[in-house]
C-alpha atoms as a PDB file:
ATOM      1  CA  MET A   1     141.816  25.524  41.152  1.00  0.00           C
ATOM      2  CA  SER A   2     138.822  28.232  42.319  1.00  0.00           C
ATOM      3  CA  TYR A   3     136.129  26.621  43.638  1.00  0.00           C
ATOM      4  CA  LEU A   4     133.458  27.887  46.014  1.00  0.00           C
ATOM      5  CA  LYS A   5     132.411  26.108  48.986  1.00  0.00           C
ATOM      6  CA  ASN A   6     130.013  25.949  51.995  1.00  0.00           C
ATOM      7  CA  ALA A   7     131.990  26.099  54.879  1.00  0.00           C
ATOM      8  CA  ASP A   8     129.224  25.160  57.627  1.00  0.00           C
ATOM      9  CA  THR A   9     128.583  21.743  56.031  1.00  0.00           C
ATOM     10  CA  ASN A  10     131.929  21.306  53.694  1.00  0.00           C
ATOM     11  CA  THR A  11     129.656  20.905  50.453  1.00  0.00           C
ATOM     12  CA  LEU A  12     131.481  22.392  47.066  1.00  0.00           C
ATOM     13  CA  ILE A  13     129.175  24.139  44.829  1.00  0.00           C
ATOM     14  CA  THR A  14     130.907  24.690  42.447  1.00  0.00           C
ATOM     15  CA  ARG A  15     134.232  25.059  40.885  1.00  0.00           C
ATOM     16  CA  PHE A  16     133.686  27.843  38.800  1.00  0.00           C
ATOM     17  CA  VAL A  17     133.842  30.930  40.056  1.00  0.00           C
ATOM     18  CA  SER A  18     134.981  35.073  38.821  1.00  0.00           C
ATOM     19  CA  PHE A  19     136.177  36.621  41.875  1.00  0.00           C
ATOM     20  CA  ARG A  20     136.027  40.938  42.346  1.00  0.00           C
ATOM     21  CA  LYS A  21     136.739  42.566  45.735  1.00  0.00           C
ATOM     22  CA  THR A  22     135.552  45.512  46.320  1.00  0.00           C
ATOM     23  CA  GLN A  23     135.336  47.747  49.144  1.00  0.00           C
ATOM     24  CA  GLU A  24     132.709  51.138  50.306  1.00  0.00           C
ATOM     25  CA  ILE A  25     133.804  53.743  52.541  1.00  0.00           C
ATOM     26  CA  ILE A  26     131.363  55.944  54.223  1.00  0.00           C
ATOM     27  CA  ARG A  27     132.610  59.729  53.947  1.00  0.00           C
ATOM     28  CA  THR A  28     130.807  62.992  53.833  1.00  0.00           C
ATOM     29  CA  VAL A  29     131.968  65.909  51.412  1.00  0.00           C
ATOM     30  CA  GLN A  30     132.022  69.510  52.618  1.00  0.00           C
ATOM     31  CA  THR A  31     132.609  72.507  50.724  1.00  0.00           C
ATOM     32  CA  ALA A  32     133.857  75.821  52.477  1.00  0.00           C
ATOM     33  CA  LEU A  33     133.000  78.874  50.955  1.00  0.00           C
ATOM     34  CA  ASP A  34     136.102  79.752  49.696  1.00  0.00           C
ATOM     35  CA  GLY A  35     135.702  75.961  47.886  1.00  0.00           C
ATOM     36  CA  THR A  36     138.292  74.225  49.929  1.00  0.00           C
ATOM     37  CA  GLU A  37     136.794  70.887  50.314  1.00  0.00           C
ATOM     38  CA  TYR A  38     136.655  68.667  53.694  1.00  0.00           C
ATOM     39  CA  LEU A  39     136.173  65.185  53.263  1.00  0.00           C
ATOM     40  CA  THR A  40     135.162  63.114  56.619  1.00  0.00           C
ATOM     41  CA  ARG A  41     135.835  59.333  57.001  1.00  0.00           C
ATOM     42  CA  PHE A  42     133.936  56.887  59.263  1.00  0.00           C
ATOM     43  CA  GLY A  43     134.913  53.719  60.268  1.00  0.00           C
ATOM     44  CA  ALA A  44     136.179  50.990  58.609  1.00  0.00           C
ATOM     45  CA  PRO A  45     135.534  50.349  54.718  1.00  0.00           C
ATOM     46  CA  THR A  46     133.002  47.499  53.608  1.00  0.00           C
ATOM     47  CA  VAL A  47     134.724  44.542  51.621  1.00  0.00           C
ATOM     48  CA  HIS A  48     132.382  42.918  49.470  1.00  0.00           C
ATOM     49  CA  TYR A  49     133.481  40.075  47.565  1.00  0.00           C
ATOM     50  CA  GLU A  50     131.400  39.808  43.800  1.00  0.00           C
ATOM     51  CA  LEU A  51     131.306  36.740  42.301  1.00  0.00           C
ATOM     52  CA  THR A  52     129.952  35.237  38.982  1.00  0.00           C
ATOM     53  CA  LEU A  53     129.744  31.604  39.292  1.00  0.00           C
ATOM     54  CA  TYR A  54     128.255  28.666  36.906  1.00  0.00           C
ATOM     55  CA  VAL A  55     126.871  26.484  38.488  1.00  0.00           C
ATOM     56  CA  ASP A  56     124.640  23.215  37.916  1.00  0.00           C
ATOM     57  CA  GLU A  57     120.901  22.663  39.450  1.00  0.00           C
ATOM     58  CA  ALA A  58     122.870  20.824  42.657  1.00  0.00           C
ATOM     59  CA  GLY A  59     125.330  23.996  42.529  1.00  0.00           C
ATOM     60  CA  LYS A  60     121.665  26.133  42.646  1.00  0.00           C
ATOM     61  CA  ALA A  61     119.652  24.292  45.356  1.00  0.00           C
ATOM     62  CA  LEU A  62     122.900  24.499  47.419  1.00  0.00           C
ATOM     63  CA  LEU A  63     123.648  28.054  47.034  1.00  0.00           C
ATOM     64  CA  MET A  64     119.724  29.267  47.676  1.00  0.00           C
ATOM     65  CA  SER A  65     120.255  26.969  50.565  1.00  0.00           C
ATOM     66  CA  ALA A  66     123.332  29.211  51.714  1.00  0.00           C
ATOM     67  CA  GLU A  67     121.240  32.173  50.942  1.00  0.00           C
ATOM     68  CA  ASP A  68     118.343  30.898  53.276  1.00  0.00           C
ATOM     69  CA  SER A  69     120.381  29.603  55.915  1.00  0.00           C
ATOM     70  CA  VAL A  70     123.219  32.524  56.443  1.00  0.00           C
ATOM     71  CA  SER A  71     125.848  29.568  55.817  1.00  0.00           C
ATOM     72  CA  LEU A  72     129.410  30.926  55.962  1.00  0.00           C
ATOM     73  CA  LEU A  73     130.956  30.765  52.453  1.00  0.00           C
ATOM     74  CA  GLU A  74     134.434  29.695  51.858  1.00  0.00           C
ATOM     75  CA  CYS A  75     135.650  30.965  47.895  1.00  0.00           C
ATOM     76  CA  THR A  76     139.268  30.165  47.006  1.00  0.00           C
ATOM     77  CA  VAL A  77     140.586  31.559  43.741  1.00  0.00           C
ATOM     78  CA  LYS A  78     144.487  32.680  42.752  1.00  0.00           C
ATOM     79  CA  GLN A  79     144.339  35.574  44.706  1.00  0.00           C
ATOM     80  CA  GLY A  80     143.963  33.706  48.175  1.00  0.00           C
ATOM     81  CA  VAL A  81     140.753  32.334  50.087  1.00  0.00           C
ATOM     82  CA  PHE A  82     138.034  34.584  50.819  1.00  0.00           C
ATOM     83  CA  THR A  83     135.016  33.760  52.665  1.00  0.00           C
ATOM     84  CA  GLY A  84     132.182  35.697  53.937  1.00  0.00           C
ATOM     85  CA  ARG A  85     128.055  35.623  53.690  1.00  0.00           C
ATOM     86  CA  ILE A  86     125.258  35.918  50.628  1.00  0.00           C
ATOM     87  CA  VAL A  87     124.199  39.266  50.895  1.00  0.00           C
ATOM     88  CA  GLU A  88     122.665  39.265  47.331  1.00  0.00           C
ATOM     89  CA  LEU A  89     122.213  36.433  45.117  1.00  0.00           C
ATOM     90  CA  GLY A  90     121.047  38.008  41.307  1.00  0.00           C
ATOM     91  CA  ASP A  91     118.562  35.828  39.212  1.00  0.00           C
ATOM     92  CA  PHE A  92     119.640  32.754  37.666  1.00  0.00           C
ATOM     93  CA  GLU A  93     120.185  33.044  33.738  1.00  0.00           C
ATOM     94  CA  TYR A  94     119.937  29.552  32.240  1.00  0.00           C
ATOM     95  CA  LEU A  95     122.953  28.761  30.127  1.00  0.00           C
ATOM     96  CA  ALA A  96     122.715  25.166  28.583  1.00  0.00           C
ATOM     97  CA  ALA A  97     122.077  21.578  29.721  1.00  0.00           C
ATOM     98  CA  GLY A  98     121.149  22.629  33.174  1.00  0.00           C
ATOM     99  CA  TRP A  99     123.957  25.136  33.698  1.00  0.00           C
ATOM    100  CA  TYR A 100     123.327  28.331  35.491  1.00  0.00           C
ATOM    101  CA  LYS A 101     124.992  31.669  35.649  1.00  0.00           C
ATOM    102  CA  VAL A 102     124.848  34.197  38.546  1.00  0.00           C
ATOM    103  CA  GLU A 103     125.920  37.024  40.044  1.00  0.00           C
ATOM    104  CA  ALA A 104     126.878  37.141  44.203  1.00  0.00           C
ATOM    105  CA  THR A 105     127.858  39.601  46.590  1.00  0.00           C
ATOM    106  CA  LEU A 106     129.548  38.199  49.877  1.00  0.00           C
ATOM    107  CA  ALA A 107     129.525  39.935  52.748  1.00  0.00           C
ATOM    108  CA  ALA A 108     134.119  39.702  54.049  1.00  0.00           C
ATOM    109  CA  VAL A 109     133.120  40.117  57.692  1.00  0.00           C
ATOM    110  CA  SER A 110     129.456  39.546  59.355  1.00  0.00           C
ATOM    111  CA  GLU A 111     127.514  38.956  62.118  1.00  0.00           C
ATOM    112  CA  VAL A 112     124.416  36.880  62.128  1.00  0.00           C
ATOM    113  CA  SER A 113     121.609  37.823  64.274  1.00  0.00           C
ATOM    114  CA  GLU A 114     118.763  35.789  65.068  1.00  0.00           C
ATOM    115  CA  PRO A 115     115.492  37.781  64.343  1.00  0.00           C
END
């Protein structure tokens, strides 16, 4: 059973979750005069979780609140349990009968700093 919940408040946001794990690597490519390419990688990969969510009005409000408060979210899917914070929340697409589809990106490892 898949679901997304706010781990800070232990509140269920939705049970309809599509999950994809991605990573970004910071690297530079330099080409020598003889055509040889040299790759330099910096730091550890940045892991993100790309989610497609289907939420009702209450779930929409919970997602917007979690984005605003930088809450820790827990996503449980067939692949396992993943936690992260919202770094990008797409536009809510109205479907029917008070349901919305939205794309969200969670940062796998994130620090919260106060302004």
